[in-house]
């Protein structure tokens, strides 16, 4: 855990967390903050699934990826479904002041959502109605 904490502190992770995105993308951040995505981890806690790797992969940022969410003690800034859950890791984007695109820059919204909203885990998901809740430009 100490090595992970040091790596996070040095910025040796491709993830920055939603707070970093908020600086330039205030409207999108505001939309996210009011969404269920911003509370995704608490849904796991209520269902006693906050340690289930099958659930964590969609309810936090970068789980099982280098520099991604480990636990609430080490990587609390990556809890919940955040900007990077959909758009991809953003450290280079932030460091370049927006000149470098985020990893999933060319993806359509349906592709971003399909990373997690699959029939097995999200059977009621219907893109057109759900997208209205999180759409931001």
N, C-alpha and C. Protein backbone atom coordinates (compact mmCIF):
# COMPACT_ATOMS: atom_id res chain seq x y z
N UNK A 1 0.81 -1.20 0.00
CA UNK A 1 0.00 0.00 0.00
C UNK A 1 0.86 1.26 0.00
N UNK A 2 1.97 1.23 0.67
CA UNK A 2 2.84 2.40 0.71
C UNK A 2 3.31 2.77 -0.69
N UNK A 3 3.70 1.79 -1.48
CA UNK A 3 4.16 2.05 -2.85
C UNK A 3 3.04 2.67 -3.68
N UNK A 4 1.82 2.18 -3.49
CA UNK A 4 0.69 2.74 -4.22
C UNK A 4 0.43 4.18 -3.83
N UNK A 5 0.50 4.47 -2.54
CA UNK A 5 0.30 5.85 -2.07
C UNK A 5 1.35 6.79 -2.66
N UNK A 6 2.61 6.34 -2.66
CA UNK A 6 3.69 7.17 -3.21
C UNK A 6 3.49 7.40 -4.70
N UNK A 7 3.09 6.38 -5.42
CA UNK A 7 2.86 6.51 -6.86
C UNK A 7 1.73 7.50 -7.13
N UNK A 8 0.67 7.41 -6.34
CA UNK A 8 -0.46 8.35 -6.50
C UNK A 8 0.00 9.78 -6.22
N UNK A 9 0.75 9.97 -5.16
CA UNK A 9 1.21 11.30 -4.78
C UNK A 9 2.13 11.91 -5.84
N UNK A 10 2.93 11.08 -6.50
CA UNK A 10 3.85 11.56 -7.53
C UNK A 10 3.17 11.74 -8.89
N UNK A 11 1.90 11.37 -8.99
CA UNK A 11 1.23 11.48 -10.26
C UNK A 11 1.60 10.37 -11.22
N UNK A 12 2.03 9.24 -10.70
CA UNK A 12 2.42 8.11 -11.53
C UNK A 12 1.22 7.23 -11.84
N UNK A 13 0.13 7.85 -12.11
CA UNK A 13 -1.09 7.17 -12.48
C UNK A 13 -1.69 7.92 -13.66
N UNK A 14 -2.31 7.23 -14.58
CA UNK A 14 -2.90 7.94 -15.71
C UNK A 14 -4.20 8.65 -15.35
N UNK A 15 -4.72 8.40 -14.13
CA UNK A 15 -5.99 8.95 -13.71
C UNK A 15 -5.81 10.18 -12.82
N UNK A 16 -6.70 11.15 -12.97
CA UNK A 16 -6.61 12.38 -12.18
C UNK A 16 -7.81 12.60 -11.27
N UNK A 17 -8.94 11.97 -11.55
CA UNK A 17 -10.14 12.17 -10.77
C UNK A 17 -10.95 13.36 -11.25
N UNK A 18 -12.22 13.36 -10.93
CA UNK A 18 -13.17 14.36 -11.43
C UNK A 18 -12.84 15.78 -11.00
N UNK A 19 -12.23 15.94 -9.84
CA UNK A 19 -11.89 17.29 -9.37
C UNK A 19 -10.97 18.00 -10.36
N UNK A 20 -10.05 17.27 -10.98
CA UNK A 20 -9.15 17.86 -11.96
C UNK A 20 -9.92 18.25 -13.22
N UNK A 21 -10.91 17.48 -13.58
CA UNK A 21 -11.71 17.77 -14.78
C UNK A 21 -12.59 19.00 -14.57
N UNK A 22 -13.03 19.18 -13.34
CA UNK A 22 -13.92 20.29 -12.99
C UNK A 22 -13.33 21.66 -13.36
N UNK A 23 -12.02 21.78 -13.30
CA UNK A 23 -11.36 23.06 -13.56
C UNK A 23 -11.75 23.62 -14.92
N UNK A 24 -11.75 22.79 -15.95
CA UNK A 24 -12.07 23.25 -17.31
C UNK A 24 -13.48 22.86 -17.77
N UNK A 25 -14.05 21.87 -17.13
CA UNK A 25 -15.34 21.34 -17.58
C UNK A 25 -16.39 21.47 -16.47
N UNK A 26 -16.61 22.70 -16.03
CA UNK A 26 -17.51 22.95 -14.89
C UNK A 26 -18.94 22.49 -15.17
N UNK A 27 -19.45 22.74 -16.36
CA UNK A 27 -20.83 22.34 -16.68
C UNK A 27 -20.96 20.82 -16.65
N UNK A 28 -20.04 20.13 -17.29
CA UNK A 28 -20.08 18.66 -17.30
C UNK A 28 -19.95 18.11 -15.88
N UNK A 29 -19.08 18.72 -15.08
CA UNK A 29 -18.90 18.29 -13.70
C UNK A 29 -20.20 18.48 -12.91
N UNK A 30 -20.85 19.60 -13.11
CA UNK A 30 -22.11 19.89 -12.42
C UNK A 30 -23.18 18.86 -12.79
N UNK A 31 -23.24 18.50 -14.06
CA UNK A 31 -24.19 17.48 -14.52
C UNK A 31 -23.87 16.15 -13.85
N UNK A 32 -22.60 15.79 -13.86
CA UNK A 32 -22.17 14.52 -13.23
C UNK A 32 -22.49 14.51 -11.74
N UNK A 33 -22.21 15.62 -11.08
CA UNK A 33 -22.38 15.70 -9.62
C UNK A 33 -23.83 15.43 -9.20
N UNK A 34 -24.78 15.76 -10.05
CA UNK A 34 -26.20 15.55 -9.76
C UNK A 34 -26.69 14.17 -10.22
N UNK A 35 -25.82 13.41 -10.87
CA UNK A 35 -26.23 12.12 -11.43
C UNK A 35 -26.03 10.97 -10.45
N UNK A 36 -26.62 9.83 -10.80
CA UNK A 36 -26.42 8.62 -10.01
C UNK A 36 -24.99 8.10 -10.13
N UNK A 37 -24.31 8.47 -11.20
CA UNK A 37 -22.91 8.06 -11.34
C UNK A 37 -22.07 8.57 -10.17
N UNK A 38 -22.37 9.77 -9.71
CA UNK A 38 -21.62 10.37 -8.61
C UNK A 38 -21.85 9.66 -7.28
N UNK A 39 -22.83 8.76 -7.25
CA UNK A 39 -23.15 8.01 -6.03
C UNK A 39 -23.02 6.51 -6.23
N UNK A 40 -22.35 6.10 -7.28
CA UNK A 40 -22.30 4.69 -7.66
C UNK A 40 -21.71 3.78 -6.59
N UNK A 41 -20.70 4.24 -5.90
CA UNK A 41 -20.06 3.40 -4.89
C UNK A 41 -20.99 3.16 -3.70
N UNK A 42 -21.77 4.16 -3.33
CA UNK A 42 -22.68 3.97 -2.19
C UNK A 42 -23.73 2.91 -2.51
N UNK A 43 -24.08 2.76 -3.78
CA UNK A 43 -25.01 1.69 -4.15
C UNK A 43 -24.40 0.33 -3.84
N UNK A 44 -23.10 0.21 -4.06
CA UNK A 44 -22.41 -1.05 -3.73
C UNK A 44 -22.37 -1.26 -2.22
N UNK A 45 -22.11 -0.19 -1.49
CA UNK A 45 -22.06 -0.31 -0.03
C UNK A 45 -23.41 -0.77 0.52
N UNK A 46 -24.49 -0.21 0.00
CA UNK A 46 -25.83 -0.59 0.48
C UNK A 46 -26.16 -2.05 0.16
N UNK A 47 -25.58 -2.57 -0.92
CA UNK A 47 -25.82 -3.96 -1.31
C UNK A 47 -24.75 -4.90 -0.78
N UNK A 48 -23.86 -4.39 0.09
CA UNK A 48 -22.74 -5.18 0.61
C UNK A 48 -21.89 -5.78 -0.51
N UNK A 49 -21.63 -4.99 -1.54
CA UNK A 49 -20.84 -5.43 -2.68
C UNK A 49 -19.61 -4.54 -2.91
N UNK A 50 -19.27 -3.70 -1.95
CA UNK A 50 -18.19 -2.73 -2.14
C UNK A 50 -16.80 -3.37 -2.21
N UNK A 51 -16.70 -4.67 -2.05
CA UNK A 51 -15.43 -5.37 -2.18
C UNK A 51 -15.47 -6.40 -3.31
N UNK A 52 -16.56 -6.42 -4.05
CA UNK A 52 -16.73 -7.38 -5.14
C UNK A 52 -16.07 -6.84 -6.41
N UNK A 53 -15.00 -7.48 -6.88
CA UNK A 53 -14.31 -6.97 -8.06
C UNK A 53 -15.19 -6.89 -9.30
N UNK A 54 -16.19 -7.77 -9.40
CA UNK A 54 -17.09 -7.71 -10.55
C UNK A 54 -17.93 -6.44 -10.53
N UNK A 55 -18.19 -5.92 -9.36
CA UNK A 55 -18.97 -4.69 -9.23
C UNK A 55 -18.07 -3.46 -9.27
N UNK A 56 -16.93 -3.55 -8.61
CA UNK A 56 -16.01 -2.41 -8.55
C UNK A 56 -15.57 -1.94 -9.93
N UNK A 57 -15.40 -2.85 -10.86
CA UNK A 57 -14.90 -2.46 -12.17
C UNK A 57 -15.78 -1.42 -12.85
N UNK A 58 -17.04 -1.32 -12.48
CA UNK A 58 -17.93 -0.32 -13.09
C UNK A 58 -18.34 0.79 -12.12
N UNK A 59 -18.06 0.66 -10.86
CA UNK A 59 -18.50 1.65 -9.89
C UNK A 59 -17.41 2.58 -9.38
N UNK A 60 -16.19 2.39 -9.88
CA UNK A 60 -15.05 3.25 -9.53
C UNK A 60 -14.21 3.46 -10.79
N UNK A 61 -13.22 4.32 -10.68
CA UNK A 61 -12.36 4.64 -11.83
C UNK A 61 -11.12 3.72 -11.87
N UNK A 62 -10.94 3.04 -12.98
CA UNK A 62 -9.71 2.31 -13.24
C UNK A 62 -9.44 1.10 -12.38
N UNK A 63 -10.47 0.48 -11.83
CA UNK A 63 -10.24 -0.72 -11.01
C UNK A 63 -9.56 -1.80 -11.86
N UNK A 64 -8.53 -2.42 -11.28
CA UNK A 64 -7.73 -3.47 -11.94
C UNK A 64 -6.90 -2.94 -13.10
N UNK A 65 -6.71 -1.63 -13.16
CA UNK A 65 -5.84 -1.02 -14.17
C UNK A 65 -4.71 -0.32 -13.42
N UNK A 66 -3.53 -0.25 -14.01
CA UNK A 66 -2.42 0.44 -13.34
C UNK A 66 -2.80 1.88 -12.96
N UNK A 67 -2.63 2.21 -11.70
CA UNK A 67 -2.93 3.54 -11.21
C UNK A 67 -4.38 3.80 -10.90
N UNK A 68 -5.23 2.79 -11.05
CA UNK A 68 -6.66 2.94 -10.80
C UNK A 68 -7.04 2.73 -9.35
N UNK A 69 -8.33 2.73 -9.10
CA UNK A 69 -8.87 2.56 -7.76
C UNK A 69 -8.37 1.27 -7.12
N UNK A 70 -7.95 1.42 -5.86
CA UNK A 70 -7.50 0.27 -5.07
C UNK A 70 -8.47 0.06 -3.91
N UNK A 71 -8.63 1.08 -3.10
CA UNK A 71 -9.59 1.04 -2.00
C UNK A 71 -9.81 2.47 -1.51
N UNK A 72 -10.72 2.63 -0.57
CA UNK A 72 -11.07 3.96 -0.08
C UNK A 72 -9.93 4.63 0.68
N UNK A 73 -9.03 3.86 1.25
CA UNK A 73 -7.90 4.46 1.97
C UNK A 73 -6.85 5.02 1.02
N UNK A 74 -6.57 4.32 -0.06
CA UNK A 74 -5.48 4.69 -0.96
C UNK A 74 -5.94 5.59 -2.10
N UNK A 75 -7.11 5.31 -2.65
CA UNK A 75 -7.55 6.00 -3.87
C UNK A 75 -8.98 6.52 -3.77
N UNK A 76 -9.30 7.16 -2.69
CA UNK A 76 -10.66 7.69 -2.51
C UNK A 76 -11.04 8.68 -3.61
N UNK A 77 -10.08 9.33 -4.21
CA UNK A 77 -10.38 10.31 -5.27
C UNK A 77 -10.89 9.63 -6.54
N UNK A 78 -10.83 8.31 -6.61
CA UNK A 78 -11.28 7.58 -7.79
C UNK A 78 -12.55 6.77 -7.53
N UNK A 79 -13.24 7.08 -6.46
CA UNK A 79 -14.46 6.37 -6.13
C UNK A 79 -15.62 6.93 -6.97
N UNK A 80 -16.57 6.10 -7.27
CA UNK A 80 -17.75 6.41 -8.07
C UNK A 80 -17.44 6.38 -9.56
N UNK A 81 -18.47 6.45 -10.37
CA UNK A 81 -18.32 6.53 -11.82
C UNK A 81 -18.03 8.00 -12.11
N UNK A 82 -16.83 8.27 -12.59
CA UNK A 82 -16.41 9.65 -12.84
C UNK A 82 -16.12 9.86 -14.33
N UNK A 83 -15.66 11.03 -14.66
CA UNK A 83 -15.34 11.40 -16.04
C UNK A 83 -14.49 10.35 -16.73
N UNK A 84 -13.44 9.90 -16.05
CA UNK A 84 -12.50 8.97 -16.65
C UNK A 84 -13.07 7.56 -16.81
N UNK A 85 -14.15 7.26 -16.11
CA UNK A 85 -14.81 5.97 -16.30
C UNK A 85 -15.34 5.86 -17.73
N UNK A 86 -15.82 6.94 -18.25
CA UNK A 86 -16.39 6.97 -19.60
C UNK A 86 -15.39 7.45 -20.64
N UNK A 87 -14.70 8.52 -20.34
CA UNK A 87 -13.84 9.19 -21.31
C UNK A 87 -12.41 8.67 -21.35
N UNK A 88 -12.02 7.89 -20.37
CA UNK A 88 -10.66 7.35 -20.32
C UNK A 88 -9.74 8.20 -19.47
N UNK A 89 -8.60 7.64 -19.15
CA UNK A 89 -7.61 8.31 -18.30
C UNK A 89 -7.27 9.69 -18.86
N UNK A 90 -7.10 10.66 -17.96
CA UNK A 90 -6.96 12.05 -18.41
C UNK A 90 -5.70 12.77 -17.94
N UNK A 91 -4.75 12.08 -17.34
CA UNK A 91 -3.56 12.79 -16.85
C UNK A 91 -2.86 13.55 -17.97
N UNK A 92 -2.64 12.93 -19.11
CA UNK A 92 -1.98 13.62 -20.22
C UNK A 92 -2.82 14.78 -20.73
N UNK A 93 -4.12 14.60 -20.77
CA UNK A 93 -5.04 15.66 -21.20
C UNK A 93 -4.91 16.87 -20.29
N UNK A 94 -4.92 16.63 -19.00
CA UNK A 94 -4.80 17.71 -18.02
C UNK A 94 -3.41 18.37 -18.10
N UNK A 95 -2.37 17.55 -18.16
CA UNK A 95 -1.00 18.09 -18.21
C UNK A 95 -0.76 18.94 -19.45
N UNK A 96 -1.44 18.61 -20.54
CA UNK A 96 -1.27 19.36 -21.79
C UNK A 96 -2.27 20.52 -21.91
N UNK A 97 -2.99 20.78 -20.82
CA UNK A 97 -4.01 21.82 -20.80
C UNK A 97 -5.04 21.62 -21.90
N UNK A 98 -5.39 20.35 -22.14
CA UNK A 98 -6.43 20.01 -23.10
C UNK A 98 -5.95 19.72 -24.50
N UNK A 99 -4.69 19.93 -24.79
CA UNK A 99 -4.17 19.68 -26.14
C UNK A 99 -4.17 18.19 -26.49
N UNK A 100 -3.82 17.34 -25.55
CA UNK A 100 -3.85 15.89 -25.77
C UNK A 100 -5.26 15.39 -25.49
N UNK A 101 -5.82 14.60 -26.39
CA UNK A 101 -7.18 14.10 -26.14
C UNK A 101 -7.19 13.03 -25.06
N UNK A 102 -8.33 12.83 -24.44
CA UNK A 102 -8.49 11.72 -23.50
C UNK A 102 -8.52 10.43 -24.31
N UNK A 103 -8.28 9.31 -23.65
CA UNK A 103 -8.16 8.02 -24.34
C UNK A 103 -9.35 7.67 -25.22
N UNK A 104 -10.55 7.91 -24.75
CA UNK A 104 -11.75 7.50 -25.47
C UNK A 104 -12.36 8.65 -26.26
N UNK A 105 -11.55 9.57 -26.68
CA UNK A 105 -11.99 10.78 -27.36
C UNK A 105 -12.87 10.50 -28.58
N UNK A 106 -12.56 9.48 -29.33
CA UNK A 106 -13.29 9.20 -30.56
C UNK A 106 -14.52 8.30 -30.34
N UNK A 107 -14.75 7.90 -29.12
CA UNK A 107 -15.87 6.99 -28.85
C UNK A 107 -17.20 7.72 -28.88
N UNK A 108 -18.22 7.04 -29.34
CA UNK A 108 -19.59 7.55 -29.27
C UNK A 108 -20.11 7.31 -27.85
N UNK A 109 -21.09 8.09 -27.41
CA UNK A 109 -21.66 7.86 -26.08
C UNK A 109 -22.14 6.42 -25.86
N UNK A 110 -22.71 5.81 -26.88
CA UNK A 110 -23.18 4.43 -26.70
C UNK A 110 -22.02 3.48 -26.39
N UNK A 111 -20.85 3.72 -26.97
CA UNK A 111 -19.68 2.89 -26.68
C UNK A 111 -19.22 3.09 -25.24
N UNK A 112 -19.23 4.35 -24.80
CA UNK A 112 -18.80 4.64 -23.43
C UNK A 112 -19.71 3.94 -22.43
N UNK A 113 -21.00 4.05 -22.65
CA UNK A 113 -21.97 3.44 -21.73
C UNK A 113 -21.87 1.92 -21.73
N UNK A 114 -21.61 1.36 -22.91
CA UNK A 114 -21.55 -0.10 -23.05
C UNK A 114 -20.38 -0.73 -22.31
N UNK A 115 -19.44 0.07 -21.81
CA UNK A 115 -18.36 -0.49 -21.00
C UNK A 115 -18.91 -1.14 -19.74
N UNK A 116 -19.99 -0.61 -19.22
CA UNK A 116 -20.57 -1.12 -17.97
C UNK A 116 -22.03 -1.53 -18.11
N UNK A 117 -22.77 -0.76 -18.87
CA UNK A 117 -24.20 -1.05 -18.99
C UNK A 117 -24.43 -2.16 -20.00
N UNK A 118 -24.30 -3.38 -19.48
CA UNK A 118 -24.51 -4.59 -20.26
C UNK A 118 -25.71 -5.34 -19.66
N UNK A 119 -26.32 -6.18 -20.44
CA UNK A 119 -27.54 -6.88 -20.04
C UNK A 119 -27.39 -7.59 -18.69
N UNK A 120 -26.28 -8.25 -18.47
CA UNK A 120 -26.09 -9.03 -17.24
C UNK A 120 -26.11 -8.17 -15.98
N UNK A 121 -25.59 -6.95 -16.06
CA UNK A 121 -25.48 -6.11 -14.87
C UNK A 121 -26.46 -4.95 -14.86
N UNK A 122 -27.01 -4.63 -15.99
CA UNK A 122 -27.86 -3.45 -16.12
C UNK A 122 -29.01 -3.76 -17.08
N UNK A 123 -29.86 -4.73 -16.73
CA UNK A 123 -30.89 -5.21 -17.67
C UNK A 123 -31.92 -4.15 -18.06
N UNK A 124 -32.13 -3.15 -17.23
CA UNK A 124 -33.13 -2.12 -17.55
C UNK A 124 -32.55 -0.95 -18.33
N UNK A 125 -31.25 -1.01 -18.61
CA UNK A 125 -30.61 0.10 -19.30
C UNK A 125 -31.18 0.29 -20.69
N UNK A 126 -31.58 1.52 -20.97
CA UNK A 126 -32.09 1.91 -22.28
C UNK A 126 -31.41 3.22 -22.60
N UNK A 127 -30.49 3.20 -23.54
CA UNK A 127 -29.61 4.34 -23.80
C UNK A 127 -30.35 5.67 -23.92
N UNK A 128 -31.36 5.76 -24.74
CA UNK A 128 -32.01 7.05 -24.99
C UNK A 128 -32.55 7.71 -23.73
N UNK A 129 -33.15 6.95 -22.84
CA UNK A 129 -33.68 7.57 -21.62
C UNK A 129 -32.59 7.83 -20.59
N UNK A 130 -31.62 6.94 -20.49
CA UNK A 130 -30.54 7.14 -19.53
C UNK A 130 -29.62 8.30 -19.94
N UNK A 131 -29.36 8.41 -21.24
CA UNK A 131 -28.46 9.45 -21.72
C UNK A 131 -28.96 10.83 -21.33
N UNK A 132 -30.26 11.03 -21.32
CA UNK A 132 -30.83 12.33 -20.95
C UNK A 132 -30.42 12.74 -19.53
N UNK A 133 -30.14 11.78 -18.69
CA UNK A 133 -29.77 12.06 -17.29
C UNK A 133 -28.30 12.49 -17.13
N UNK A 134 -27.47 12.13 -18.09
CA UNK A 134 -26.03 12.41 -17.95
C UNK A 134 -25.43 13.20 -19.10
N UNK A 135 -26.23 13.49 -20.11
CA UNK A 135 -25.72 14.20 -21.30
C UNK A 135 -25.09 15.52 -20.91
N UNK A 136 -23.96 15.80 -21.50
CA UNK A 136 -23.25 17.07 -21.29
C UNK A 136 -22.40 17.37 -22.52
N UNK A 137 -22.34 18.61 -22.87
CA UNK A 137 -21.54 19.01 -24.04
C UNK A 137 -20.50 20.02 -23.64
